[in-house]
Amino acid sequence: MALTDQDIGRIAHLARLELSADESKRMLTRLNGFFGTVEAMCAVDTQGVEPLTQPIAAVQDVQLRLRDDVASEPDDRAANQRSAPAVEDGLYLVPKVIE
């Protein structure tokens, strides 16, 4: 997938960026380079390759140091919601902003 000058202009417009012609050309080169890298990675056959938990696990055995999944902070919901303008059943109420 290769981007065109028009694609860069559209992306810049959507991002509210003002790019000079030189900046636009550099961005086109960089983004097309990125997409080329992604296409090259997609072309690699990964059938039967197990996912790694850590990149270093490919070359040495890694023992993960995981802590127990227990709550370590007290429940201060009521104290945290005291300053909220509107709360109901432990949830913050916000005004509707989309019609």
C-alpha atoms as a PDB file:
ATOM      1  CA  MET A   1       0.000   0.000   0.000  1.00  0.00           C
ATOM      2  CA  ALA A   2       1.629   3.226  -1.124  1.00  0.00           C
ATOM      3  CA  LEU A   3       0.327   6.631  -0.161  1.00  0.00           C
ATOM      4  CA  THR A   4       0.082   9.536  -2.593  1.00  0.00           C
ATOM      5  CA  ASP A   5       0.538  13.282  -2.164  1.00  0.00           C
ATOM      6  CA  GLN A   6      -3.257  13.589  -1.978  1.00  0.00           C
ATOM      7  CA  ASP A   7      -3.360  11.050   0.880  1.00  0.00           C
ATOM      8  CA  ILE A   8      -0.794  13.068   2.828  1.00  0.00           C
ATOM      9  CA  GLY A   9      -2.808  16.244   2.231  1.00  0.00           C
ATOM     10  CA  ARG A  10      -5.985  14.554   3.466  1.00  0.00           C
ATOM     11  CA  ILE A  11      -4.282  13.134   6.560  1.00  0.00           C
ATOM     12  CA  ALA A  12      -2.746  16.528   7.350  1.00  0.00           C
ATOM     13  CA  HIS A  13      -6.157  18.170   6.949  1.00  0.00           C
ATOM     14  CA  LEU A  14      -7.819  15.650   9.263  1.00  0.00           C
ATOM     15  CA  ALA A  15      -5.036  16.126  11.841  1.00  0.00           C
ATOM     16  CA  ARG A  16      -5.317  19.909  11.466  1.00  0.00           C
ATOM     17  CA  LEU A  17      -1.677  20.141  10.383  1.00  0.00           C
ATOM     18  CA  GLU A  18      -0.291  22.652   7.937  1.00  0.00           C
ATOM     19  CA  LEU A  19       2.555  21.020   6.026  1.00  0.00           C
ATOM     20  CA  SER A  20       4.824  22.762   3.545  1.00  0.00           C
ATOM     21  CA  ALA A  21       5.530  21.010   0.237  1.00  0.00           C
ATOM     22  CA  ASP A  22       8.920  19.870   1.577  1.00  0.00           C
ATOM     23  CA  GLU A  23       7.407  18.540   4.815  1.00  0.00           C
ATOM     24  CA  SER A  24       4.687  16.788   2.842  1.00  0.00           C
ATOM     25  CA  LYS A  25       7.287  15.020   0.642  1.00  0.00           C
ATOM     26  CA  ARG A  26       9.313  13.935   3.696  1.00  0.00           C
ATOM     27  CA  MET A  27       6.140  12.659   5.404  1.00  0.00           C
ATOM     28  CA  LEU A  28       5.184  10.737   2.254  1.00  0.00           C
ATOM     29  CA  THR A  29       8.612   9.072   2.159  1.00  0.00           C
ATOM     30  CA  ARG A  30       8.549   8.197   5.868  1.00  0.00           C
ATOM     31  CA  LEU A  31       4.996   6.816   5.859  1.00  0.00           C
ATOM     32  CA  ASN A  32       5.582   4.761   2.713  1.00  0.00           C
ATOM     33  CA  GLY A  33       8.778   3.432   4.331  1.00  0.00           C
ATOM     34  CA  PHE A  34       6.780   2.451   7.395  1.00  0.00           C
ATOM     35  CA  PHE A  35       4.149   0.675   5.294  1.00  0.00           C
ATOM     36  CA  GLY A  36       6.931  -1.119   3.411  1.00  0.00           C
ATOM     37  CA  THR A  37       8.306  -2.406   6.712  1.00  0.00           C
ATOM     38  CA  VAL A  38       4.841  -3.598   7.759  1.00  0.00           C
ATOM     39  CA  GLU A  39       4.357  -5.387   4.426  1.00  0.00           C
ATOM     40  CA  ALA A  40       7.756  -7.088   4.821  1.00  0.00           C
ATOM     41  CA  MET A  41       6.800  -8.240   8.319  1.00  0.00           C
ATOM     42  CA  CYS A  42       3.458  -9.561   7.062  1.00  0.00           C
ATOM     43  CA  ALA A  43       5.261 -11.596   4.400  1.00  0.00           C
ATOM     44  CA  VAL A  44       7.130 -13.641   7.045  1.00  0.00           C
ATOM     45  CA  ASP A  45       5.651 -17.109   7.581  1.00  0.00           C
ATOM     46  CA  THR A  46       4.846 -17.390  11.296  1.00  0.00           C
ATOM     47  CA  GLN A  47       2.924 -20.651  11.062  1.00  0.00           C
ATOM     48  CA  GLY A  48       3.720 -22.776  14.114  1.00  0.00           C
ATOM     49  CA  VAL A  49       5.714 -20.059  15.890  1.00  0.00           C
ATOM     50  CA  GLU A  50       4.748 -19.739  19.540  1.00  0.00           C
ATOM     51  CA  PRO A  51       4.227 -16.191  20.832  1.00  0.00           C
ATOM     52  CA  LEU A  52       6.864 -14.934  23.280  1.00  0.00           C
ATOM     53  CA  THR A  53       6.050 -13.400  26.643  1.00  0.00           C
ATOM     54  CA  GLN A  54       9.320 -11.425  26.455  1.00  0.00           C
ATOM     55  CA  PRO A  55      11.576 -10.844  23.404  1.00  0.00           C
ATOM     56  CA  ILE A  56      14.582 -12.192  25.319  1.00  0.00           C
ATOM     57  CA  ALA A  57      12.726 -15.502  25.728  1.00  0.00           C
ATOM     58  CA  ALA A  58      13.821 -16.376  22.171  1.00  0.00           C
ATOM     59  CA  VAL A  59      17.435 -16.777  23.316  1.00  0.00           C
ATOM     60  CA  GLN A  60      17.223 -17.703  27.005  1.00  0.00           C
ATOM     61  CA  ASP A  61      14.805 -19.064  29.573  1.00  0.00           C
ATOM     62  CA  VAL A  62      12.950 -16.253  31.320  1.00  0.00           C
ATOM     63  CA  GLN A  63      11.266 -16.562  34.684  1.00  0.00           C
ATOM     64  CA  LEU A  64       8.457 -14.026  34.885  1.00  0.00           C
ATOM     65  CA  ARG A  65       8.183 -12.158  38.146  1.00  0.00           C
ATOM     66  CA  LEU A  66       4.456 -11.769  38.535  1.00  0.00           C
ATOM     67  CA  ARG A  67       2.877 -10.566  41.735  1.00  0.00           C
ATOM     68  CA  ASP A  68      -0.322 -11.999  43.159  1.00  0.00           C
ATOM     69  CA  ASP A  69      -3.448 -10.393  41.755  1.00  0.00           C
ATOM     70  CA  VAL A  70      -4.791  -8.847  44.936  1.00  0.00           C
ATOM     71  CA  ALA A  71      -6.203  -5.413  45.671  1.00  0.00           C
ATOM     72  CA  SER A  72      -3.484  -3.281  47.213  1.00  0.00           C
ATOM     73  CA  GLU A  73      -5.357   0.018  47.518  1.00  0.00           C
ATOM     74  CA  PRO A  74      -8.354   0.692  49.738  1.00  0.00           C
ATOM     75  CA  ASP A  75     -11.753   1.418  48.182  1.00  0.00           C
ATOM     76  CA  ASP A  76     -12.106   5.201  48.476  1.00  0.00           C
ATOM     77  CA  ARG A  77     -14.941   5.580  45.968  1.00  0.00           C
ATOM     78  CA  ALA A  78     -17.153   7.584  48.310  1.00  0.00           C
ATOM     79  CA  ALA A  79     -14.321   9.971  49.221  1.00  0.00           C
ATOM     80  CA  ASN A  80     -13.305  10.368  45.578  1.00  0.00           C
ATOM     81  CA  GLN A  81     -16.863  11.102  44.463  1.00  0.00           C
ATOM     82  CA  ARG A  82     -17.548  13.712  47.138  1.00  0.00           C
ATOM     83  CA  SER A  83     -16.419  16.540  44.870  1.00  0.00           C
ATOM     84  CA  ALA A  84     -18.352  15.293  41.809  1.00  0.00           C
ATOM     85  CA  PRO A  85     -21.333  17.427  40.753  1.00  0.00           C
ATOM     86  CA  ALA A  86     -23.594  14.387  40.246  1.00  0.00           C
ATOM     87  CA  VAL A  87     -23.258  10.739  41.298  1.00  0.00           C
ATOM     88  CA  GLU A  88     -25.755   7.892  41.247  1.00  0.00           C
ATOM     89  CA  ASP A  89     -25.193   4.296  42.415  1.00  0.00           C
ATOM     90  CA  GLY A  90     -21.420   4.855  42.545  1.00  0.00           C
ATOM     91  CA  LEU A  91     -21.276   6.201  38.968  1.00  0.00           C
ATOM     92  CA  TYR A  92     -20.432   9.725  37.813  1.00  0.00           C
ATOM     93  CA  LEU A  93     -23.294  11.410  35.978  1.00  0.00           C
ATOM     94  CA  VAL A  94     -22.344  13.683  33.087  1.00  0.00           C
ATOM     95  CA  PRO A  95     -24.493  15.876  30.872  1.00  0.00           C
ATOM     96  CA  LYS A  96     -25.494  14.567  27.470  1.00  0.00           C
ATOM     97  CA  VAL A  97     -23.261  16.183  24.845  1.00  0.00           C
ATOM     98  CA  ILE A  98     -24.411  14.416  21.665  1.00  0.00           C
ATOM     99  CA  GLU A  99     -27.932  14.793  20.355  1.00  0.00           C
END
